[in-house]
Each structure stands twice: as C-alpha cells, then as structure tokens.
PDB file of N, CA and C in Angstrom:
ATOM      1  N   MET A   1      97.090   1.894  43.882  1.00  0.00           N
ATOM      2  CA  MET A   1      98.213   2.624  43.328  1.00  0.00           C
ATOM      3  C   MET A   1      99.263   1.629  42.871  1.00  0.00           C
ATOM      4  N   SER A   2      99.804   1.835  41.702  1.00  0.00           N
ATOM      5  CA  SER A   2     100.852   0.978  41.181  1.00  0.00           C
ATOM      6  C   SER A   2     101.909   1.885  40.567  1.00  0.00           C
ATOM      7  N   ALA A   3     103.181   1.598  40.814  1.00  0.00           N
ATOM      8  CA  ALA A   3     104.227   2.506  40.353  1.00  0.00           C
ATOM      9  C   ALA A   3     105.532   1.766  40.104  1.00  0.00           C
ATOM     10  N   LEU A   4     106.492   2.500  39.566  1.00  0.00           N
ATOM     11  CA  LEU A   4     107.800   1.962  39.231  1.00  0.00           C
ATOM     12  C   LEU A   4     108.860   2.955  39.681  1.00  0.00           C
ATOM     13  N   ASP A   5     109.884   2.479  40.366  1.00  0.00           N
ATOM     14  CA  ASP A   5     111.009   3.312  40.787  1.00  0.00           C
ATOM     15  C   ASP A   5     112.309   2.638  40.386  1.00  0.00           C
ATOM     16  N   LEU A   6     113.310   3.443  40.076  1.00  0.00           N
ATOM     17  CA  LEU A   6     114.653   2.939  39.803  1.00  0.00           C
ATOM     18  C   LEU A   6     115.469   3.037  41.080  1.00  0.00           C
ATOM     19  N   ILE A   7     116.163   1.944  41.415  1.00  0.00           N
ATOM     20  CA  ILE A   7     117.022   1.921  42.596  1.00  0.00           C
ATOM     21  C   ILE A   7     118.447   1.691  42.119  1.00  0.00           C
ATOM     22  N   ILE A   8     119.368   2.547  42.526  1.00  0.00           N
ATOM     23  CA  ILE A   8     120.781   2.386  42.173  1.00  0.00           C
ATOM     24  C   ILE A   8     121.555   2.131  43.449  1.00  0.00           C
ATOM     25  N   LYS A   9     122.265   1.014  43.480  1.00  0.00           N
ATOM     26  CA  LYS A   9     123.045   0.655  44.658  1.00  0.00           C
ATOM     27  C   LYS A   9     124.230   1.613  44.773  1.00  0.00           C
ATOM     28  N   PRO A  10     124.382   2.320  45.903  1.00  0.00           N
ATOM     29  CA  PRO A  10     125.487   3.275  46.069  1.00  0.00           C
ATOM     30  C   PRO A  10     126.848   2.595  45.894  1.00  0.00           C
ATOM     31  N   GLY A  11     127.738   3.267  45.178  1.00  0.00           N
ATOM     32  CA  GLY A  11     129.083   2.745  44.964  1.00  0.00           C
ATOM     33  C   GLY A  11     129.136   1.601  43.970  1.00  0.00           C
ATOM     34  N   SER A  12     128.075   1.411  43.222  1.00  0.00           N
ATOM     35  CA  SER A  12     128.006   0.305  42.277  1.00  0.00           C
ATOM     36  C   SER A  12     127.246   0.764  41.042  1.00  0.00           C
ATOM     37  N   GLU A  13     127.406   0.014  39.971  1.00  0.00           N
ATOM     38  CA  GLU A  13     126.649   0.325  38.765  1.00  0.00           C
ATOM     39  C   GLU A  13     125.390  -0.524  38.665  1.00  0.00           C
ATOM     40  N   GLN A  14     125.120  -1.330  39.686  1.00  0.00           N
ATOM     41  CA  GLN A  14     123.940  -2.187  39.654  1.00  0.00           C
ATOM     42  C   GLN A  14     122.673  -1.354  39.791  1.00  0.00           C
ATOM     43  N   ARG A  15     121.707  -1.672  38.943  1.00  0.00           N
ATOM     44  CA  ARG A  15     120.423  -0.979  38.968  1.00  0.00           C
ATOM     45  C   ARG A  15     119.315  -2.013  39.130  1.00  0.00           C
ATOM     46  N   TYR A  16     118.341  -1.647  39.924  1.00  0.00           N
ATOM     47  CA  TYR A  16     117.181  -2.509  40.132  1.00  0.00           C
ATOM     48  C   TYR A  16     115.926  -1.682  39.929  1.00  0.00           C
ATOM     49  N   TRP A  17     114.919  -2.306  39.379  1.00  0.00           N
ATOM     50  CA  TRP A  17     113.640  -1.649  39.174  1.00  0.00           C
ATOM     51  C   TRP A  17     112.654  -2.209  40.183  1.00  0.00           C
ATOM     52  N   LEU A  18     111.977  -1.330  40.898  1.00  0.00           N
ATOM     53  CA  LEU A  18     111.043  -1.713  41.941  1.00  0.00           C
ATOM     54  C   LEU A  18     109.622  -1.417  41.467  1.00  0.00           C
ATOM     55  N   TYR A  19     108.869  -2.473  41.241  1.00  0.00           N
ATOM     56  CA  TYR A  19     107.454  -2.351  40.901  1.00  0.00           C
ATOM     57  C   TYR A  19     106.686  -2.519  42.198  1.00  0.00           C
ATOM     58  N   TYR A  20     105.816  -1.581  42.521  1.00  0.00           N
ATOM     59  CA  TYR A  20     105.108  -1.684  43.788  1.00  0.00           C
ATOM     60  C   TYR A  20     103.675  -1.183  43.658  1.00  0.00           C
ATOM     61  N   CYS A  21     102.863  -1.625  44.606  1.00  0.00           N
ATOM     62  CA  CYS A  21     101.467  -1.199  44.646  1.00  0.00           C
ATOM     63  C   CYS A  21     100.992  -1.186  46.086  1.00  0.00           C
ATOM     64  N   GLY A  22      99.907  -0.477  46.333  1.00  0.00           N
ATOM     65  CA  GLY A  22      99.318  -0.436  47.661  1.00  0.00           C
ATOM     66  C   GLY A  22     100.067   0.417  48.649  1.00  0.00           C
ATOM     67  N   VAL A  23     100.945   1.259  48.163  1.00  0.00           N
ATOM     68  CA  VAL A  23     101.760   2.091  49.039  1.00  0.00           C
ATOM     69  C   VAL A  23     101.291   3.534  48.900  1.00  0.00           C
ATOM     70  N   THR A  24     101.157   4.232  50.013  1.00  0.00           N
ATOM     71  CA  THR A  24     100.687   5.614  49.985  1.00  0.00           C
ATOM     72  C   THR A  24     101.801   6.558  49.538  1.00  0.00           C
ATOM     73  N   GLU A  25     101.495   7.826  49.533  1.00  0.00           N
ATOM     74  CA  GLU A  25     102.493   8.828  49.157  1.00  0.00           C
ATOM     75  C   GLU A  25     103.708   8.780  50.075  1.00  0.00           C
ATOM     76  N   ASN A  26     103.517   8.344  51.307  1.00  0.00           N
ATOM     77  CA  ASN A  26     104.638   8.234  52.248  1.00  0.00           C
ATOM     78  C   ASN A  26     105.524   7.042  51.931  1.00  0.00           C
ATOM     79  N   LYS A  27     105.181   6.358  50.871  1.00  0.00           N
ATOM     80  CA  LYS A  27     105.863   5.128  50.455  1.00  0.00           C
ATOM     81  C   LYS A  27     105.883   4.132  51.585  1.00  0.00           C
ATOM     82  N   TRP A  28     107.018   3.735  52.046  1.00  0.00           N
ATOM     83  CA  TRP A  28     107.100   2.610  52.975  1.00  0.00           C
ATOM     84  C   TRP A  28     107.057   3.033  54.441  1.00  0.00           C
ATOM     85  N   ARG A  29     106.811   4.277  54.732  1.00  0.00           N
ATOM     86  CA  ARG A  29     106.911   4.757  56.111  1.00  0.00           C
ATOM     87  C   ARG A  29     105.795   4.270  57.022  1.00  0.00           C
ATOM     88  N   ASN A  30     104.590   4.141  56.496  1.00  0.00           N
ATOM     89  CA  ASN A  30     103.494   3.775  57.392  1.00  0.00           C
ATOM     90  C   ASN A  30     103.430   2.279  57.670  1.00  0.00           C
ATOM     91  N   GLY A  31     104.065   1.451  56.852  1.00  0.00           N
ATOM     92  CA  GLY A  31     104.150   0.022  57.115  1.00  0.00           C
ATOM     93  C   GLY A  31     102.856  -0.748  56.939  1.00  0.00           C
ATOM     94  N   HIS A  32     101.902  -0.223  56.191  1.00  0.00           N
ATOM     95  CA  HIS A  32     100.632  -0.914  56.003  1.00  0.00           C
ATOM     96  C   HIS A  32     100.417  -1.274  54.542  1.00  0.00           C
ATOM     97  N   ASN A  33     100.085  -2.526  54.318  1.00  0.00           N
ATOM     98  CA  ASN A  33      99.572  -3.009  53.036  1.00  0.00           C
ATOM     99  C   ASN A  33     100.294  -2.469  51.803  1.00  0.00           C
ATOM    100  N   GLY A  34     101.365  -3.069  51.459  1.00  0.00           N
ATOM    101  CA  GLY A  34     102.056  -2.754  50.234  1.00  0.00           C
ATOM    102  C   GLY A  34     102.821  -3.979  49.780  1.00  0.00           C
ATOM    103  N   ILE A  35     102.991  -4.116  48.487  1.00  0.00           N
ATOM    104  CA  ILE A  35     103.698  -5.275  47.951  1.00  0.00           C
ATOM    105  C   ILE A  35     104.604  -4.791  46.826  1.00  0.00           C
ATOM    106  N   ALA A  36     105.753  -5.427  46.667  1.00  0.00           N
ATOM    107  CA  ALA A  36     106.707  -4.980  45.653  1.00  0.00           C
ATOM    108  C   ALA A  36     107.472  -6.162  45.086  1.00  0.00           C
ATOM    109  N   ILE A  37     107.981  -5.956  43.880  1.00  0.00           N
ATOM    110  CA  ILE A  37     108.888  -6.906  43.245  1.00  0.00           C
ATOM    111  C   ILE A  37     110.041  -6.086  42.687  1.00  0.00           C
ATOM    112  N   ALA A  38     111.265  -6.424  43.098  1.00  0.00           N
ATOM    113  CA  ALA A  38     112.458  -5.744  42.592  1.00  0.00           C
ATOM    114  C   ALA A  38     113.103  -6.647  41.551  1.00  0.00           C
ATOM    115  N   ILE A  39     113.421  -6.076  40.385  1.00  0.00           N
ATOM    116  CA  ILE A  39     114.056  -6.869  39.334  1.00  0.00           C
ATOM    117  C   ILE A  39     115.322  -6.171  38.855  1.00  0.00           C
ATOM    118  N   SER A  40     116.259  -6.968  38.396  1.00  0.00           N
ATOM    119  CA  SER A  40     117.531  -6.434  37.902  1.00  0.00           C
ATOM    120  C   SER A  40     117.331  -5.804  36.526  1.00  0.00           C
ATOM    121  N   GLU A  41     118.344  -5.087  36.085  1.00  0.00           N
ATOM    122  CA  GLU A  41     118.309  -4.462  34.762  1.00  0.00           C
ATOM    123  C   GLU A  41     118.154  -5.532  33.678  1.00  0.00           C
ATOM    124  N   LYS A  42     118.856  -6.641  33.845  1.00  0.00           N
ATOM    125  CA  LYS A  42     118.784  -7.735  32.869  1.00  0.00           C
ATOM    126  C   LYS A  42     117.377  -8.331  32.822  1.00  0.00           C
ATOM    127  N   ALA A  43     116.782  -8.550  33.992  1.00  0.00           N
ATOM    128  CA  ALA A  43     115.429  -9.116  34.044  1.00  0.00           C
ATOM    129  C   ALA A  43     114.404  -8.147  33.468  1.00  0.00           C
ATOM    130  N   ARG A  44     114.684  -6.866  33.557  1.00  0.00           N
ATOM    131  CA  ARG A  44     113.738  -5.866  33.054  1.00  0.00           C
ATOM    132  C   ARG A  44     113.530  -6.005  31.549  1.00  0.00           C
ATOM    133  N   TYR A  45     114.564  -6.435  30.825  1.00  0.00           N
ATOM    134  CA  TYR A  45     114.438  -6.595  29.380  1.00  0.00           C
ATOM    135  C   TYR A  45     113.532  -7.766  29.009  1.00  0.00           C
ATOM    136  N   SER A  46     113.378  -8.725  29.918  1.00  0.00           N
ATOM    137  CA  SER A  46     112.496  -9.858  29.641  1.00  0.00           C
ATOM    138  C   SER A  46     111.130  -9.694  30.313  1.00  0.00           C
ATOM    139  N   HIS A  47     110.926  -8.566  30.964  1.00  0.00           N
ATOM    140  CA  HIS A  47     109.669  -8.306  31.672  1.00  0.00           C
ATOM    141  C   HIS A  47     108.555  -8.065  30.659  1.00  0.00           C
ATOM    142  N   ILE A  48     107.474  -8.816  30.802  1.00  0.00           N
ATOM    143  CA  ILE A  48     106.348  -8.706  29.875  1.00  0.00           C
ATOM    144  C   ILE A  48     105.189  -7.920  30.475  1.00  0.00           C
ATOM    145  N   GLU A  49     104.872  -8.219  31.729  1.00  0.00           N
ATOM    146  CA  GLU A  49     103.638  -7.695  32.303  1.00  0.00           C
ATOM    147  C   GLU A  49     103.777  -7.492  33.809  1.00  0.00           C
ATOM    148  N   TRP A  50     103.096  -6.470  34.313  1.00  0.00           N
ATOM    149  CA  TRP A  50     102.993  -6.222  35.761  1.00  0.00           C
ATOM    150  C   TRP A  50     101.555  -5.850  36.049  1.00  0.00           C
ATOM    151  N   LYS A  51     100.966  -6.520  37.028  1.00  0.00           N
ATOM    152  CA  LYS A  51      99.634  -6.101  37.458  1.00  0.00           C
ATOM    153  C   LYS A  51      99.473  -6.383  38.942  1.00  0.00           C
ATOM    154  N   SER A  52      98.669  -5.554  39.562  1.00  0.00           N
ATOM    155  CA  SER A  52      98.383  -5.752  40.978  1.00  0.00           C
ATOM    156  C   SER A  52      96.905  -6.074  41.110  1.00  0.00           C
ATOM    157  N   ALA A  53      96.613  -7.180  41.783  1.00  0.00           N
ATOM    158  CA  ALA A  53      95.222  -7.554  42.014  1.00  0.00           C
ATOM    159  C   ALA A  53      94.622  -6.652  43.083  1.00  0.00           C
ATOM    160  N   ASN A  54      95.432  -6.313  44.068  1.00  0.00           N
ATOM    161  CA  ASN A  54      95.033  -5.416  45.150  1.00  0.00           C
ATOM    162  C   ASN A  54      96.305  -4.975  45.861  1.00  0.00           C
ATOM    163  N   ASN A  55      96.194  -4.394  47.051  1.00  0.00           N
ATOM    164  CA  ASN A  55      97.392  -3.916  47.738  1.00  0.00           C
ATOM    165  C   ASN A  55      98.124  -5.031  48.484  1.00  0.00           C
ATOM    166  N   ARG A  56      97.715  -6.285  48.281  1.00  0.00           N
ATOM    167  CA  ARG A  56      98.378  -7.418  48.919  1.00  0.00           C
ATOM    168  C   ARG A  56      98.831  -8.487  47.933  1.00  0.00           C
ATOM    169  N   VAL A  57      98.466  -8.370  46.668  1.00  0.00           N
ATOM    170  CA  VAL A  57      98.808  -9.387  45.671  1.00  0.00           C
ATOM    171  C   VAL A  57      99.286  -8.694  44.399  1.00  0.00           C
ATOM    172  N   ALA A  58     100.472  -9.077  43.925  1.00  0.00           N
ATOM    173  CA  ALA A  58     101.019  -8.505  42.698  1.00  0.00           C
ATOM    174  C   ALA A  58     101.560  -9.620  41.812  1.00  0.00           C
ATOM    175  N   HIS A  59     101.568  -9.375  40.505  1.00  0.00           N
ATOM    176  CA  HIS A  59     101.999 -10.376  39.531  1.00  0.00           C
ATOM    177  C   HIS A  59     102.950  -9.742  38.520  1.00  0.00           C
ATOM    178  N   ALA A  60     104.060 -10.409  38.276  1.00  0.00           N
ATOM    179  CA  ALA A  60     104.995  -9.996  37.227  1.00  0.00           C
ATOM    180  C   ALA A  60     105.219 -11.198  36.318  1.00  0.00           C
ATOM    181  N   ARG A  61     105.321 -10.951  35.017  1.00  0.00           N
ATOM    182  CA  ARG A  61     105.522 -12.032  34.043  1.00  0.00           C
ATOM    183  C   ARG A  61     106.767 -11.722  33.229  1.00  0.00           C
ATOM    184  N   PHE A  62     107.586 -12.759  33.017  1.00  0.00           N
ATOM    185  CA  PHE A  62     108.853 -12.614  32.317  1.00  0.00           C
ATOM    186  C   PHE A  62     108.925 -13.582  31.147  1.00  0.00           C
ATOM    187  N   LYS A  63     109.519 -13.100  30.049  1.00  0.00           N
ATOM    188  CA  LYS A  63     109.673 -13.911  28.843  1.00  0.00           C
ATOM    189  C   LYS A  63     110.938 -14.746  28.949  1.00  0.00           C
ATOM    190  N   GLY A  64     110.840 -15.993  28.535  1.00  0.00           N
ATOM    191  CA  GLY A  64     111.978 -16.893  28.524  1.00  0.00           C
ATOM    192  C   GLY A  64     111.652 -18.097  27.670  1.00  0.00           C
ATOM    193  N   PHE A  65     112.511 -19.125  27.714  1.00  0.00           N
ATOM    194  CA  PHE A  65     112.206 -20.360  26.992  1.00  0.00           C
ATOM    195  C   PHE A  65     110.835 -20.846  27.439  1.00  0.00           C
ATOM    196  N   TYR A  66     110.618 -20.835  28.744  1.00  0.00           N
ATOM    197  CA  TYR A  66     109.290 -20.970  29.332  1.00  0.00           C
ATOM    198  C   TYR A  66     109.033 -19.650  30.048  1.00  0.00           C
ATOM    199  N   ASN A  67     107.914 -19.024  29.767  1.00  0.00           N
ATOM    200  CA  ASN A  67     107.603 -17.778  30.461  1.00  0.00           C
ATOM    201  C   ASN A  67     107.400 -18.055  31.946  1.00  0.00           C
ATOM    202  N   ILE A  68     107.767 -17.081  32.768  1.00  0.00           N
ATOM    203  CA  ILE A  68     107.705 -17.235  34.219  1.00  0.00           C
ATOM    204  C   ILE A  68     106.753 -16.187  34.789  1.00  0.00           C
ATOM    205  N   SER A  69     105.807 -16.651  35.580  1.00  0.00           N
ATOM    206  CA  SER A  69     104.899 -15.758  36.303  1.00  0.00           C
ATOM    207  C   SER A  69     105.282 -15.781  37.771  1.00  0.00           C
ATOM    208  N   VAL A  70     105.540 -14.601  38.326  1.00  0.00           N
ATOM    209  CA  VAL A  70     105.891 -14.481  39.737  1.00  0.00           C
ATOM    210  C   VAL A  70     104.744 -13.752  40.433  1.00  0.00           C
ATOM    211  N   ILE A  71     104.194 -14.396  41.452  1.00  0.00           N
ATOM    212  CA  ILE A  71     103.136 -13.784  42.248  1.00  0.00           C
ATOM    213  C   ILE A  71     103.705 -13.518  43.631  1.00  0.00           C
ATOM    214  N   ASN A  72     103.619 -12.274  44.048  1.00  0.00           N
ATOM    215  CA  ASN A  72     104.102 -11.889  45.369  1.00  0.00           C
ATOM    216  C   ASN A  72     102.891 -11.581  46.240  1.00  0.00           C
ATOM    217  N   VAL A  73     102.839 -12.205  47.420  1.00  0.00           N
ATOM    218  CA  VAL A  73     101.665 -12.120  48.280  1.00  0.00           C
ATOM    219  C   VAL A  73     102.058 -11.610  49.660  1.00  0.00           C
ATOM    220  N   TYR A  74     101.315 -10.634  50.142  1.00  0.00           N
ATOM    221  CA  TYR A  74     101.445 -10.146  51.515  1.00  0.00           C
ATOM    222  C   TYR A  74     100.224 -10.671  52.257  1.00  0.00           C
ATOM    223  N   ALA A  75     100.383 -11.806  52.930  1.00  0.00           N
ATOM    224  CA  ALA A  75      99.253 -12.545  53.497  1.00  0.00           C
ATOM    225  C   ALA A  75      98.638 -11.841  54.694  1.00  0.00           C
ATOM    226  N   LEU A  76      97.386 -12.166  54.925  1.00  0.00           N
ATOM    227  CA  LEU A  76      96.668 -11.656  56.092  1.00  0.00           C
ATOM    228  C   LEU A  76      97.065 -12.446  57.335  1.00  0.00           C
ATOM    229  N   THR A  77      96.908 -11.836  58.481  1.00  0.00           N
ATOM    230  CA  THR A  77      97.151 -12.557  59.733  1.00  0.00           C
ATOM    231  C   THR A  77      95.927 -13.401  60.066  1.00  0.00           C
ATOM    232  N   LEU A  78      96.110 -14.347  60.964  1.00  0.00           N
ATOM    233  CA  LEU A  78      95.000 -15.211  61.368  1.00  0.00           C
ATOM    234  C   LEU A  78      93.876 -14.433  62.032  1.00  0.00           C
ATOM    235  N   CYS A  79      94.203 -13.306  62.660  1.00  0.00           N
ATOM    236  CA  CYS A  79      93.163 -12.549  63.363  1.00  0.00           C
ATOM    237  C   CYS A  79      92.417 -11.573  62.458  1.00  0.00           C
ATOM    238  N   ALA A  80      92.677 -11.601  61.164  1.00  0.00           N
ATOM    239  CA  ALA A  80      91.940 -10.728  60.243  1.00  0.00           C
ATOM    240  C   ALA A  80      90.478 -11.176  60.173  1.00  0.00           C
ATOM    241  N   ASP A  81      89.619 -10.252  59.794  1.00  0.00           N
ATOM    242  CA  ASP A  81      88.196 -10.580  59.650  1.00  0.00           C
ATOM    243  C   ASP A  81      88.011 -11.673  58.609  1.00  0.00           C
ATOM    244  N   ASP A  82      87.052 -12.552  58.854  1.00  0.00           N
ATOM    245  CA  ASP A  82      86.777 -13.639  57.915  1.00  0.00           C
ATOM    246  C   ASP A  82      86.387 -13.110  56.542  1.00  0.00           C
ATOM    247  N   SER A  83      85.643 -12.010  56.496  1.00  0.00           N
ATOM    248  CA  SER A  83      85.243 -11.442  55.206  1.00  0.00           C
ATOM    249  C   SER A  83      86.461 -10.951  54.422  1.00  0.00           C
ATOM    250  N   ASP A  84      87.447 -10.379  55.124  1.00  0.00           N
ATOM    251  CA  ASP A  84      88.685  -9.947  54.466  1.00  0.00           C
ATOM    252  C   ASP A  84      89.459 -11.142  53.923  1.00  0.00           C
ATOM    253  N   LYS A  85      89.507 -12.227  54.690  1.00  0.00           N
ATOM    254  CA  LYS A  85      90.204 -13.442  54.245  1.00  0.00           C
ATOM    255  C   LYS A  85      89.539 -14.026  53.006  1.00  0.00           C
ATOM    256  N   ILE A  86      88.216 -14.091  53.024  1.00  0.00           N
ATOM    257  CA  ILE A  86      87.481 -14.638  51.877  1.00  0.00           C
ATOM    258  C   ILE A  86      87.748 -13.803  50.633  1.00  0.00           C
ATOM    259  N   LYS A  87      87.700 -12.480  50.769  1.00  0.00           N
ATOM    260  CA  LYS A  87      87.959 -11.582  49.634  1.00  0.00           C
ATOM    261  C   LYS A  87      89.397 -11.739  49.138  1.00  0.00           C
ATOM    262  N   PHE A  88      90.359 -11.799  50.065  1.00  0.00           N
ATOM    263  CA  PHE A  88      91.772 -11.933  49.710  1.00  0.00           C
ATOM    264  C   PHE A  88      92.015 -13.211  48.903  1.00  0.00           C
ATOM    265  N   TYR A  89      91.541 -14.341  49.420  1.00  0.00           N
ATOM    266  CA  TYR A  89      91.789 -15.610  48.737  1.00  0.00           C
ATOM    267  C   TYR A  89      90.993 -15.732  47.440  1.00  0.00           C
ATOM    268  N   ALA A  90      89.846 -15.093  47.342  1.00  0.00           N
ATOM    269  CA  ALA A  90      89.089 -15.079  46.091  1.00  0.00           C
ATOM    270  C   ALA A  90      89.852 -14.306  45.014  1.00  0.00           C
ATOM    271  N   GLU A  91      90.436 -13.161  45.386  1.00  0.00           N
ATOM    272  CA  GLU A  91      91.217 -12.374  44.423  1.00  0.00           C
ATOM    273  C   GLU A  91      92.489 -13.110  44.014  1.00  0.00           C
ATOM    274  N   LEU A  92      93.125 -13.800  44.962  1.00  0.00           N
ATOM    275  CA  LEU A  92      94.311 -14.598  44.635  1.00  0.00           C
ATOM    276  C   LEU A  92      93.942 -15.732  43.689  1.00  0.00           C
ATOM    277  N   GLN A  93      92.828 -16.400  43.943  1.00  0.00           N
ATOM    278  CA  GLN A  93      92.366 -17.482  43.070  1.00  0.00           C
ATOM    279  C   GLN A  93      92.063 -16.959  41.673  1.00  0.00           C
ATOM    280  N   LEU A  94      91.415 -15.806  41.589  1.00  0.00           N
ATOM    281  CA  LEU A  94      91.100 -15.200  40.297  1.00  0.00           C
ATOM    282  C   LEU A  94      92.377 -14.905  39.513  1.00  0.00           C
ATOM    283  N   LEU A  95      93.383 -14.383  40.187  1.00  0.00           N
ATOM    284  CA  LEU A  95      94.655 -14.098  39.526  1.00  0.00           C
ATOM    285  C   LEU A  95      95.323 -15.379  39.038  1.00  0.00           C
ATOM    286  N   THR A  96      95.388 -16.399  39.871  1.00  0.00           N
ATOM    287  CA  THR A  96      96.073 -17.640  39.474  1.00  0.00           C
ATOM    288  C   THR A  96      95.350 -18.337  38.327  1.00  0.00           C
ATOM    289  N   THR A  97      94.039 -18.261  38.273  1.00  0.00           N
ATOM    290  CA  THR A  97      93.321 -18.897  37.164  1.00  0.00           C
ATOM    291  C   THR A  97      93.435 -18.092  35.874  1.00  0.00           C
ATOM    292  N   SER A  98      93.813 -16.822  35.962  1.00  0.00           N
ATOM    293  CA  SER A  98      93.958 -16.002  34.759  1.00  0.00           C
ATOM    294  C   SER A  98      95.355 -16.085  34.138  1.00  0.00           C
ATOM    295  N   LEU A  99      96.275 -16.806  34.777  1.00  0.00           N
ATOM    296  CA  LEU A  99      97.637 -16.916  34.246  1.00  0.00           C
ATOM    297  C   LEU A  99      97.655 -17.731  32.959  1.00  0.00           C
ATOM    298  N   GLN A 100      98.655 -17.456  32.129  1.00  0.00           N
ATOM    299  CA  GLN A 100      98.810 -18.179  30.874  1.00  0.00           C
ATOM    300  C   GLN A 100      99.166 -19.640  31.133  1.00  0.00           C
ATOM    301  N   ARG A 101      98.543 -20.534  30.395  1.00  0.00           N
ATOM    302  CA  ARG A 101      98.900 -21.951  30.512  1.00  0.00           C
ATOM    303  C   ARG A 101     100.319 -22.131  29.998  1.00  0.00           C
ATOM    304  N   GLY A 102     101.069 -22.996  30.639  1.00  0.00           N
ATOM    305  CA  GLY A 102     102.437 -23.263  30.224  1.00  0.00           C
ATOM    306  C   GLY A 102     103.474 -22.413  30.938  1.00  0.00           C
ATOM    307  N   ASP A 103     103.034 -21.387  31.655  1.00  0.00           N
ATOM    308  CA  ASP A 103     103.975 -20.570  32.426  1.00  0.00           C
ATOM    309  C   ASP A 103     104.484 -21.349  33.634  1.00  0.00           C
ATOM    310  N   ILE A 104     105.725 -21.106  33.995  1.00  0.00           N
ATOM    311  CA  ILE A 104     106.233 -21.564  35.285  1.00  0.00           C
ATOM    312  C   ILE A 104     105.739 -20.540  36.302  1.00  0.00           C
ATOM    313  N   VAL A 105     105.122 -21.006  37.380  1.00  0.00           N
ATOM    314  CA  VAL A 105     104.534 -20.100  38.365  1.00  0.00           C
ATOM    315  C   VAL A 105     105.316 -20.181  39.670  1.00  0.00           C
ATOM    316  N   ILE A 106     105.744 -19.026  40.154  1.00  0.00           N
ATOM    317  CA  ILE A 106     106.439 -18.922  41.437  1.00  0.00           C
ATOM    318  C   ILE A 106     105.600 -18.012  42.329  1.00  0.00           C
ATOM    319  N   ILE A 107     105.234 -18.518  43.500  1.00  0.00           N
ATOM    320  CA  ILE A 107     104.461 -17.711  44.445  1.00  0.00           C
ATOM    321  C   ILE A 107     105.318 -17.462  45.671  1.00  0.00           C
ATOM    322  N   GLY A 108     105.585 -16.189  45.940  1.00  0.00           N
ATOM    323  CA  GLY A 108     106.354 -15.805  47.118  1.00  0.00           C
ATOM    324  C   GLY A 108     105.430 -15.148  48.119  1.00  0.00           C
ATOM    325  N   GLU A 109     105.576 -15.517  49.372  1.00  0.00           N
ATOM    326  CA  GLU A 109     104.691 -14.984  50.398  1.00  0.00           C
ATOM    327  C   GLU A 109     105.493 -14.257  51.460  1.00  0.00           C
ATOM    328  N   LEU A 110     105.040 -13.062  51.785  1.00  0.00           N
ATOM    329  CA  LEU A 110     105.575 -12.328  52.918  1.00  0.00           C
ATOM    330  C   LEU A 110     104.665 -12.643  54.083  1.00  0.00           C
ATOM    331  N   GLU A 111     105.161 -13.434  55.005  1.00  0.00           N
ATOM    332  CA  GLU A 111     104.322 -13.844  56.124  1.00  0.00           C
ATOM    333  C   GLU A 111     104.230 -12.725  57.148  1.00  0.00           C
ATOM    334  N   CYS A 112     103.059 -12.558  57.660  1.00  0.00           N
ATOM    335  CA  CYS A 112     102.815 -11.536  58.674  1.00  0.00           C
ATOM    336  C   CYS A 112     102.988 -12.147  60.047  1.00  0.00           C
ATOM    337  N   ALA A 113     103.629 -11.431  60.895  1.00  0.00           N
ATOM    338  CA  ALA A 113     103.782 -11.886  62.277  1.00  0.00           C
ATOM    339  C   ALA A 113     103.064 -10.899  63.178  1.00  0.00           C
ATOM    340  N   ARG A 114     102.451 -11.404  64.185  1.00  0.00           N
ATOM    341  CA  ARG A 114     101.788 -10.517  65.140  1.00  0.00           C
ATOM    342  C   ARG A 114     102.429 -10.735  66.495  1.00  0.00           C
ATOM    343  N   MET A 115     102.936  -9.676  67.051  1.00  0.00           N
ATOM    344  CA  MET A 115     103.584  -9.749  68.360  1.00  0.00           C
ATOM    345  C   MET A 115     102.625  -9.191  69.404  1.00  0.00           C
ATOM    346  N   SER A 116     102.531  -9.857  70.544  1.00  0.00           N
ATOM    347  CA  SER A 116     101.691  -9.327  71.610  1.00  0.00           C
ATOM    348  C   SER A 116     102.510  -9.086  72.843  1.00  0.00           C
TER     349      SER A 116
END
C-alpha cells in the first residue's frame, strides 16, 4: 500500500505532505512495518518520483541543480529470520542500483530496538 496525506500544523499555515507505504487501514496504530517521508510544501514542487520497494524501503526523488534521491529504510532487527534479511537487503540493493547516475543519494535509517 502506498498513499499520500496532507498534514497541517495546528495554529500555523505550514503544510507537509506525508508519503507512506506498508501501513494498514489503521494507519500507525498497530506499529508494524511502515515507512514514510514527510516533505514541506516547497519541497513538494520539486518532487519528481515516489516509490516503495516494500513496506520497509521507500524512495523519493527531488529535482534540483543536482537531483536528490532520498531512501528511507526501516531496518530489520538482528533476530529476524536470515531469509527475511537476505530478501530485505536484496530489495535495497536493487533499489540503489536503479537510481539515476549523478543523483545525490541520502539514506536514512530508522533503527529498530528490541527490549527484553
């Protein structure tokens, strides 16, 4: 699932656009596997592309003097199954190799913590 929502900061005229994927109908309530990128109104005008590789990896591309590719990653924990890790990193590799040459690439990671 991939979607777009408008967020308006209360008491302000600031608007942000939230591109997200991997989130169920309950949106953020269940807390499992979802990734998002929030961009300002100004950045939205330079937004070229949005795609989600899966519910843990998303890519946004912005036009500029040098185009910028932003990859947002919700990483697996160390205790995840090895097959899941292999699939995750293979999809991330596929996405990074498909990026346009000459783009500035920014990779942001949401690290998972496991509490016992």
